[in-house]
Amino acid sequence: MAEKEISQAVIARLPRYFRYLGDLKEKGVERISSQDLSGIMKVTASQIRQDFNNFGGFGQQGYGYNVSYLYEEISKILGIDKQHSLVIIGAGHLGKAIAGYTNFTRRGFVFKGAFDCNPALYGTKIRDVEVRPIEEMEQFVKDNKIEIAVLTIPKDQAVPMAHKLAQCGIKAIWNFAHVDLEVPDNIQVENVHLSDSLMKLSYNINRYENNF
C-alpha cells in the first residue's frame, strides 16, 4: 500500500506545532484541546484536527491532546528525535551566524565541519570547529557520514558545489545561495532566499498602508 502523500502546507505547519507544544510543555500544561491550541496558534481548530489526522489523529474526544505525547510524536514525524550531522560550506558572516546558533544542536542538528576557499579563514574556529580548505570537503563528508550541507556561498559557486555534494552521498542541502539547485531526486533541498522573504514583508507593509 502506497504511503499517503502529505501536502507541503501541512508539513510547513508541523514545526510551528512543535514549537508551541514545546512552550506548553515547559509551562507544565498536560493537555490541550484543538480549540485552545487554535487560540494560541491562530490556526482554526478544524485545520489542526485535519493536520493531525494525516498522521493518525493523536487526540481523544472529550480529552483533547496530551501535550507531551503530541510533542514527542511530532518530533518523530519531523525526524528530530535523532541526530543529523551537518557541515557549512562558506564560513563568512552568514555561515558563522548559522553555525553559532546553538538552538540547532538542541533540535538534533550537530555542526561537524566548516569549509571555505579563503586561506585567511583556515584554522580559525567556529564553536570549536576548525574552518578547513574547501578541497578537504568531499573526503570529510564521506569519512564522517555527513547528512546535511548548508550552503552560504555565492550563487555561481553553489551549483557546482551541489553536484560535488551529490557525489559525496549527502542526503540534504540547506541552500542560502540565491539560486535554485537541481540535484538528484534522492537529495532533499530547502532553498532559503532571504531577499524573497524581505520582499514579501515589503509587500505586506505596502498592502496594509494602501488599505488605511
C-alpha atoms as a PDB file:
ATOM      1  CA  MET A   1       0.000   0.000   0.000  1.00  0.00           C
ATOM      2  CA  ALA A   2       1.414   3.385  -1.051  1.00  0.00           C
ATOM      3  CA  GLU A   3       2.241   5.855   1.689  1.00  0.00           C
ATOM      4  CA  LYS A   4      -0.222   8.733   1.946  1.00  0.00           C
ATOM      5  CA  GLU A   5       1.027  11.920   0.326  1.00  0.00           C
ATOM      6  CA  ILE A   6       1.097  14.781   2.831  1.00  0.00           C
ATOM      7  CA  SER A   7       0.737  18.288   1.438  1.00  0.00           C
ATOM      8  CA  GLN A   8       3.622  20.725   1.803  1.00  0.00           C
ATOM      9  CA  ALA A   9       1.268  23.167   3.556  1.00  0.00           C
ATOM     10  CA  VAL A  10       0.694  20.620   6.343  1.00  0.00           C
ATOM     11  CA  ILE A  11       4.411  19.851   6.578  1.00  0.00           C
ATOM     12  CA  ALA A  12       5.170  23.585   6.810  1.00  0.00           C
ATOM     13  CA  ARG A  13       2.901  23.866   9.857  1.00  0.00           C
ATOM     14  CA  LEU A  14       4.491  20.969  11.772  1.00  0.00           C
ATOM     15  CA  PRO A  15       7.488  22.965  13.096  1.00  0.00           C
ATOM     16  CA  ARG A  16       5.058  25.592  14.451  1.00  0.00           C
ATOM     17  CA  TYR A  17       3.050  22.926  16.248  1.00  0.00           C
ATOM     18  CA  PHE A  18       6.279  21.508  17.646  1.00  0.00           C
ATOM     19  CA  ARG A  19       7.436  24.929  18.855  1.00  0.00           C
ATOM     20  CA  TYR A  20       4.144  25.865  20.528  1.00  0.00           C
ATOM     21  CA  LEU A  21       3.756  22.446  22.120  1.00  0.00           C
ATOM     22  CA  GLY A  22       7.319  22.757  23.450  1.00  0.00           C
ATOM     23  CA  ASP A  23       6.370  26.058  25.089  1.00  0.00           C
ATOM     24  CA  LEU A  24       3.256  24.498  26.619  1.00  0.00           C
ATOM     25  CA  LYS A  25       5.266  21.535  27.881  1.00  0.00           C
ATOM     26  CA  GLU A  26       7.781  23.857  29.566  1.00  0.00           C
ATOM     27  CA  LYS A  27       4.888  25.651  31.291  1.00  0.00           C
ATOM     28  CA  GLY A  28       3.648  22.350  32.687  1.00  0.00           C
ATOM     29  CA  VAL A  29       0.495  22.126  30.549  1.00  0.00           C
ATOM     30  CA  GLU A  30      -0.520  18.462  30.378  1.00  0.00           C
ATOM     31  CA  ARG A  31      -3.350  18.530  27.872  1.00  0.00           C
ATOM     32  CA  ILE A  32      -4.949  20.951  25.424  1.00  0.00           C
ATOM     33  CA  SER A  33      -7.997  20.978  23.163  1.00  0.00           C
ATOM     34  CA  SER A  34      -7.831  21.806  19.469  1.00  0.00           C
ATOM     35  CA  GLN A  35      -9.914  24.912  20.277  1.00  0.00           C
ATOM     36  CA  ASP A  36      -7.407  26.174  22.866  1.00  0.00           C
ATOM     37  CA  LEU A  37      -4.472  25.365  20.584  1.00  0.00           C
ATOM     38  CA  SER A  38      -6.294  27.260  17.841  1.00  0.00           C
ATOM     39  CA  GLY A  39      -6.457  30.373  20.012  1.00  0.00           C
ATOM     40  CA  ILE A  40      -2.732  30.245  20.686  1.00  0.00           C
ATOM     41  CA  MET A  41      -1.564  29.487  17.133  1.00  0.00           C
ATOM     42  CA  LYS A  42      -4.184  31.429  15.130  1.00  0.00           C
ATOM     43  CA  VAL A  43      -4.983  28.308  13.103  1.00  0.00           C
ATOM     44  CA  THR A  44      -8.580  27.054  13.065  1.00  0.00           C
ATOM     45  CA  ALA A  45      -9.417  24.092  15.289  1.00  0.00           C
ATOM     46  CA  SER A  46     -10.740  22.285  12.225  1.00  0.00           C
ATOM     47  CA  GLN A  47      -7.425  22.785  10.421  1.00  0.00           C
ATOM     48  CA  ILE A  48      -5.495  21.490  13.435  1.00  0.00           C
ATOM     49  CA  ARG A  49      -7.617  18.333  13.575  1.00  0.00           C
ATOM     50  CA  GLN A  50      -7.263  17.818   9.820  1.00  0.00           C
ATOM     51  CA  ASP A  51      -3.488  18.244  10.022  1.00  0.00           C
ATOM     52  CA  PHE A  52      -3.119  15.749  12.862  1.00  0.00           C
ATOM     53  CA  ASN A  53      -5.483  13.259  11.193  1.00  0.00           C
ATOM     54  CA  ASN A  54      -2.913  12.926   8.408  1.00  0.00           C
ATOM     55  CA  PHE A  55      -0.724  11.161  10.965  1.00  0.00           C
ATOM     56  CA  GLY A  56      -3.310   9.247  12.973  1.00  0.00           C
ATOM     57  CA  GLY A  57      -5.120  11.941  14.931  1.00  0.00           C
ATOM     58  CA  PHE A  58      -3.414  11.773  18.396  1.00  0.00           C
ATOM     59  CA  GLY A  59      -6.415  13.183  20.263  1.00  0.00           C
ATOM     60  CA  GLN A  60      -9.252  11.728  22.343  1.00  0.00           C
ATOM     61  CA  GLN A  61     -12.768  13.106  22.153  1.00  0.00           C
ATOM     62  CA  GLY A  62     -13.622  14.911  25.353  1.00  0.00           C
ATOM     63  CA  TYR A  63      -9.971  14.949  26.440  1.00  0.00           C
ATOM     64  CA  GLY A  64      -8.071  16.773  23.718  1.00  0.00           C
ATOM     65  CA  TYR A  65      -4.370  16.218  23.178  1.00  0.00           C
ATOM     66  CA  ASN A  66      -1.743  15.048  25.630  1.00  0.00           C
ATOM     67  CA  VAL A  67       0.881  17.773  25.189  1.00  0.00           C
ATOM     68  CA  SER A  68       3.983  15.678  25.956  1.00  0.00           C
ATOM     69  CA  TYR A  69       2.827  12.775  23.800  1.00  0.00           C
ATOM     70  CA  LEU A  70       1.922  15.012  20.857  1.00  0.00           C
ATOM     71  CA  TYR A  71       5.234  16.879  21.182  1.00  0.00           C
ATOM     72  CA  GLU A  72       7.179  13.606  21.027  1.00  0.00           C
ATOM     73  CA  GLU A  73       5.130  12.244  18.120  1.00  0.00           C
ATOM     74  CA  ILE A  74       5.661  15.384  16.039  1.00  0.00           C
ATOM     75  CA  SER A  75       9.396  15.226  16.787  1.00  0.00           C
ATOM     76  CA  LYS A  76       9.391  11.707  15.311  1.00  0.00           C
ATOM     77  CA  ILE A  77       7.439  12.826  12.258  1.00  0.00           C
ATOM     78  CA  LEU A  78       9.931  15.662  11.720  1.00  0.00           C
ATOM     79  CA  GLY A  79      12.828  13.259  12.252  1.00  0.00           C
ATOM     80  CA  ILE A  80      14.345  15.343  15.034  1.00  0.00           C
ATOM     81  CA  ASP A  81      14.117  12.578  17.597  1.00  0.00           C
ATOM     82  CA  LYS A  82      17.556  11.584  16.291  1.00  0.00           C
ATOM     83  CA  GLN A  83      20.727  13.485  15.436  1.00  0.00           C
ATOM     84  CA  HIS A  84      21.651  14.811  11.997  1.00  0.00           C
ATOM     85  CA  SER A  85      25.238  15.784  11.185  1.00  0.00           C
ATOM     86  CA  LEU A  86      25.851  18.873   9.086  1.00  0.00           C
ATOM     87  CA  VAL A  87      28.647  20.934   7.574  1.00  0.00           C
ATOM     88  CA  ILE A  88      28.681  24.550   6.486  1.00  0.00           C
ATOM     89  CA  ILE A  89      30.136  25.485   3.112  1.00  0.00           C
ATOM     90  CA  GLY A  90      31.096  29.135   3.328  1.00  0.00           C
ATOM     91  CA  ALA A  91      32.475  30.396   6.643  1.00  0.00           C
ATOM     92  CA  GLY A  92      31.665  34.075   6.127  1.00  0.00           C
ATOM     93  CA  HIS A  93      29.300  36.156   8.247  1.00  0.00           C
ATOM     94  CA  LEU A  94      26.155  34.173   7.403  1.00  0.00           C
ATOM     95  CA  GLY A  95      27.871  30.812   7.783  1.00  0.00           C
ATOM     96  CA  LYS A  96      29.279  31.811  11.167  1.00  0.00           C
ATOM     97  CA  ALA A  97      25.896  33.090  12.335  1.00  0.00           C
ATOM     98  CA  ILE A  98      24.175  29.827  11.397  1.00  0.00           C
ATOM     99  CA  ALA A  99      26.906  27.706  12.964  1.00  0.00           C
ATOM    100  CA  GLY A 100      26.742  29.790  16.125  1.00  0.00           C
ATOM    101  CA  TYR A 101      23.022  29.274  16.632  1.00  0.00           C
ATOM    102  CA  THR A 102      23.039  26.751  19.467  1.00  0.00           C
ATOM    103  CA  ASN A 103      19.317  26.014  19.222  1.00  0.00           C
ATOM    104  CA  PHE A 104      20.069  23.826  16.188  1.00  0.00           C
ATOM    105  CA  THR A 105      22.022  21.482  18.442  1.00  0.00           C
ATOM    106  CA  ARG A 106      19.074  21.277  20.831  1.00  0.00           C
ATOM    107  CA  ARG A 107      16.971  20.138  17.886  1.00  0.00           C
ATOM    108  CA  GLY A 108      19.455  17.390  16.994  1.00  0.00           C
ATOM    109  CA  PHE A 109      21.412  19.129  14.222  1.00  0.00           C
ATOM    110  CA  VAL A 110      25.088  18.619  15.035  1.00  0.00           C
ATOM    111  CA  PHE A 111      27.607  21.003  13.458  1.00  0.00           C
ATOM    112  CA  LYS A 112      30.593  18.890  12.416  1.00  0.00           C
ATOM    113  CA  GLY A 113      32.624  20.954   9.951  1.00  0.00           C
ATOM    114  CA  ALA A 114      33.103  24.271   8.148  1.00  0.00           C
ATOM    115  CA  PHE A 115      34.768  24.839   4.783  1.00  0.00           C
ATOM    116  CA  ASP A 116      35.811  27.888   2.807  1.00  0.00           C
ATOM    117  CA  CYS A 117      38.021  28.884  -0.120  1.00  0.00           C
ATOM    118  CA  ASN A 118      39.555  31.865   1.719  1.00  0.00           C
ATOM    119  CA  PRO A 119      43.006  30.921   3.111  1.00  0.00           C
ATOM    120  CA  ALA A 120      42.721  33.680   5.720  1.00  0.00           C
ATOM    121  CA  LEU A 121      39.957  31.665   7.426  1.00  0.00           C
ATOM    122  CA  TYR A 122      41.807  28.337   7.536  1.00  0.00           C
ATOM    123  CA  GLY A 123      42.435  27.258  11.106  1.00  0.00           C
ATOM    124  CA  THR A 124      40.029  29.773  12.615  1.00  0.00           C
ATOM    125  CA  LYS A 125      37.274  28.263  14.724  1.00  0.00           C
ATOM    126  CA  ILE A 126      33.519  28.478  14.907  1.00  0.00           C
ATOM    127  CA  ARG A 127      32.243  26.955  18.153  1.00  0.00           C
ATOM    128  CA  ASP A 128      35.419  24.862  18.448  1.00  0.00           C
ATOM    129  CA  VAL A 129      35.091  23.594  14.872  1.00  0.00           C
ATOM    130  CA  GLU A 130      38.056  24.448  12.686  1.00  0.00           C
ATOM    131  CA  VAL A 131      37.491  26.018   9.267  1.00  0.00           C
ATOM    132  CA  ARG A 132      39.097  23.811   6.604  1.00  0.00           C
ATOM    133  CA  PRO A 133      40.032  24.339   2.939  1.00  0.00           C
ATOM    134  CA  ILE A 134      37.193  23.585   0.545  1.00  0.00           C
ATOM    135  CA  GLU A 135      39.403  20.934  -1.084  1.00  0.00           C
ATOM    136  CA  GLU A 136      39.037  18.787   2.050  1.00  0.00           C
ATOM    137  CA  MET A 137      35.243  18.890   1.990  1.00  0.00           C
ATOM    138  CA  GLU A 138      34.498  15.825  -0.156  1.00  0.00           C
ATOM    139  CA  GLN A 139      36.620  13.419   1.861  1.00  0.00           C
ATOM    140  CA  PHE A 140      35.384  14.862   5.160  1.00  0.00           C
ATOM    141  CA  VAL A 141      31.743  14.392   4.155  1.00  0.00           C
ATOM    142  CA  LYS A 142      32.383  10.784   3.178  1.00  0.00           C
ATOM    143  CA  ASP A 143      34.515   9.920   6.231  1.00  0.00           C
ATOM    144  CA  ASN A 144      32.085  11.469   8.723  1.00  0.00           C
ATOM    145  CA  LYS A 145      28.861  10.342   7.043  1.00  0.00           C
ATOM    146  CA  ILE A 146      27.563  13.901   6.879  1.00  0.00           C
ATOM    147  CA  GLU A 147      23.838  14.125   6.074  1.00  0.00           C
ATOM    148  CA  ILE A 148      23.225  17.842   5.564  1.00  0.00           C
ATOM    149  CA  ALA A 149      25.261  20.542   3.840  1.00  0.00           C
ATOM    150  CA  VAL A 150      24.491  24.216   4.461  1.00  0.00           C
ATOM    151  CA  LEU A 151      25.449  26.404   1.500  1.00  0.00           C
ATOM    152  CA  THR A 152      26.261  30.031   2.321  1.00  0.00           C
ATOM    153  CA  ILE A 153      28.347  30.734  -0.780  1.00  0.00           C
ATOM    154  CA  PRO A 154      27.839  32.905  -3.902  1.00  0.00           C
ATOM    155  CA  LYS A 155      25.335  31.527  -6.411  1.00  0.00           C
ATOM    156  CA  ASP A 156      27.969  30.929  -9.114  1.00  0.00           C
ATOM    157  CA  GLN A 157      29.724  28.539  -6.721  1.00  0.00           C
ATOM    158  CA  ALA A 158      26.584  26.867  -5.400  1.00  0.00           C
ATOM    159  CA  VAL A 159      25.620  24.863  -8.483  1.00  0.00           C
ATOM    160  CA  PRO A 160      28.972  23.066  -8.955  1.00  0.00           C
ATOM    161  CA  MET A 161      29.225  22.594  -5.184  1.00  0.00           C
ATOM    162  CA  ALA A 162      25.794  20.936  -5.124  1.00  0.00           C
ATOM    163  CA  HIS A 163      26.990  18.493  -7.794  1.00  0.00           C
ATOM    164  CA  LYS A 164      30.065  17.647  -5.715  1.00  0.00           C
ATOM    165  CA  LEU A 165      27.946  17.134  -2.619  1.00  0.00           C
ATOM    166  CA  ALA A 166      25.647  14.804  -4.536  1.00  0.00           C
ATOM    167  CA  GLN A 167      28.632  12.667  -5.467  1.00  0.00           C
ATOM    168  CA  CYS A 168      29.726  12.561  -1.815  1.00  0.00           C
ATOM    169  CA  GLY A 169      26.490  10.923  -0.716  1.00  0.00           C
ATOM    170  CA  ILE A 170      24.951  13.938   1.022  1.00  0.00           C
ATOM    171  CA  LYS A 171      21.269  13.492   1.879  1.00  0.00           C
ATOM    172  CA  ALA A 172      20.105  17.106   2.004  1.00  0.00           C
ATOM    173  CA  ILE A 173      21.165  20.667   1.198  1.00  0.00           C
ATOM    174  CA  TRP A 174      20.034  23.770   3.059  1.00  0.00           C
ATOM    175  CA  ASN A 175      20.695  26.360   0.390  1.00  0.00           C
ATOM    176  CA  PHE A 176      21.151  30.043   1.188  1.00  0.00           C
ATOM    177  CA  ALA A 177      22.752  30.833  -2.183  1.00  0.00           C
ATOM    178  CA  HIS A 178      20.499  32.959  -4.375  1.00  0.00           C
ATOM    179  CA  VAL A 179      19.930  30.239  -6.955  1.00  0.00           C
ATOM    180  CA  ASP A 180      17.625  27.233  -7.145  1.00  0.00           C
ATOM    181  CA  LEU A 181      19.535  23.960  -7.225  1.00  0.00           C
ATOM    182  CA  GLU A 182      18.865  20.920  -9.362  1.00  0.00           C
ATOM    183  CA  VAL A 183      20.105  17.705  -7.796  1.00  0.00           C
ATOM    184  CA  PRO A 184      19.103  14.021  -7.967  1.00  0.00           C
ATOM    185  CA  ASP A 185      15.681  13.187  -6.533  1.00  0.00           C
ATOM    186  CA  ASN A 186      17.188  11.336  -3.566  1.00  0.00           C
ATOM    187  CA  ILE A 187      18.713  14.590  -2.256  1.00  0.00           C
ATOM    188  CA  GLN A 188      16.373  16.929  -0.406  1.00  0.00           C
ATOM    189  CA  VAL A 189      16.857  20.660  -0.982  1.00  0.00           C
ATOM    190  CA  GLU A 190      15.452  23.545   1.037  1.00  0.00           C
ATOM    191  CA  ASN A 191      16.098  26.847  -0.744  1.00  0.00           C
ATOM    192  CA  VAL A 192      16.205  29.842   1.592  1.00  0.00           C
ATOM    193  CA  HIS A 193      16.166  33.101  -0.350  1.00  0.00           C
ATOM    194  CA  LEU A 194      16.435  35.823   2.299  1.00  0.00           C
ATOM    195  CA  SER A 195      15.656  38.658  -0.109  1.00  0.00           C
ATOM    196  CA  ASP A 196      12.437  36.893  -1.177  1.00  0.00           C
ATOM    197  CA  SER A 197      11.283  36.852   2.434  1.00  0.00           C
ATOM    198  CA  LEU A 198      12.143  40.536   2.840  1.00  0.00           C
ATOM    199  CA  MET A 199      10.259  41.428  -0.366  1.00  0.00           C
ATOM    200  CA  LYS A 200       7.222  39.526   0.932  1.00  0.00           C
ATOM    201  CA  LEU A 201       7.421  41.619   4.095  1.00  0.00           C
ATOM    202  CA  SER A 202       7.633  44.765   1.961  1.00  0.00           C
ATOM    203  CA  TYR A 203       4.540  43.684   0.023  1.00  0.00           C
ATOM    204  CA  ASN A 204       2.563  43.199   3.243  1.00  0.00           C
ATOM    205  CA  ILE A 205       3.627  46.635   4.533  1.00  0.00           C
ATOM    206  CA  ASN A 206       2.555  48.180   1.229  1.00  0.00           C
ATOM    207  CA  ARG A 207      -0.800  46.349   1.212  1.00  0.00           C
ATOM    208  CA  TYR A 208      -1.528  47.366   4.802  1.00  0.00           C
ATOM    209  CA  GLU A 209      -0.686  51.039   4.146  1.00  0.00           C
ATOM    210  CA  ASN A 210      -2.846  51.102   0.995  1.00  0.00           C
ATOM    211  CA  ASN A 211      -5.835  49.772   2.938  1.00  0.00           C
ATOM    212  CA  PHE A 212      -5.709  52.517   5.566  1.00  0.00           C
END
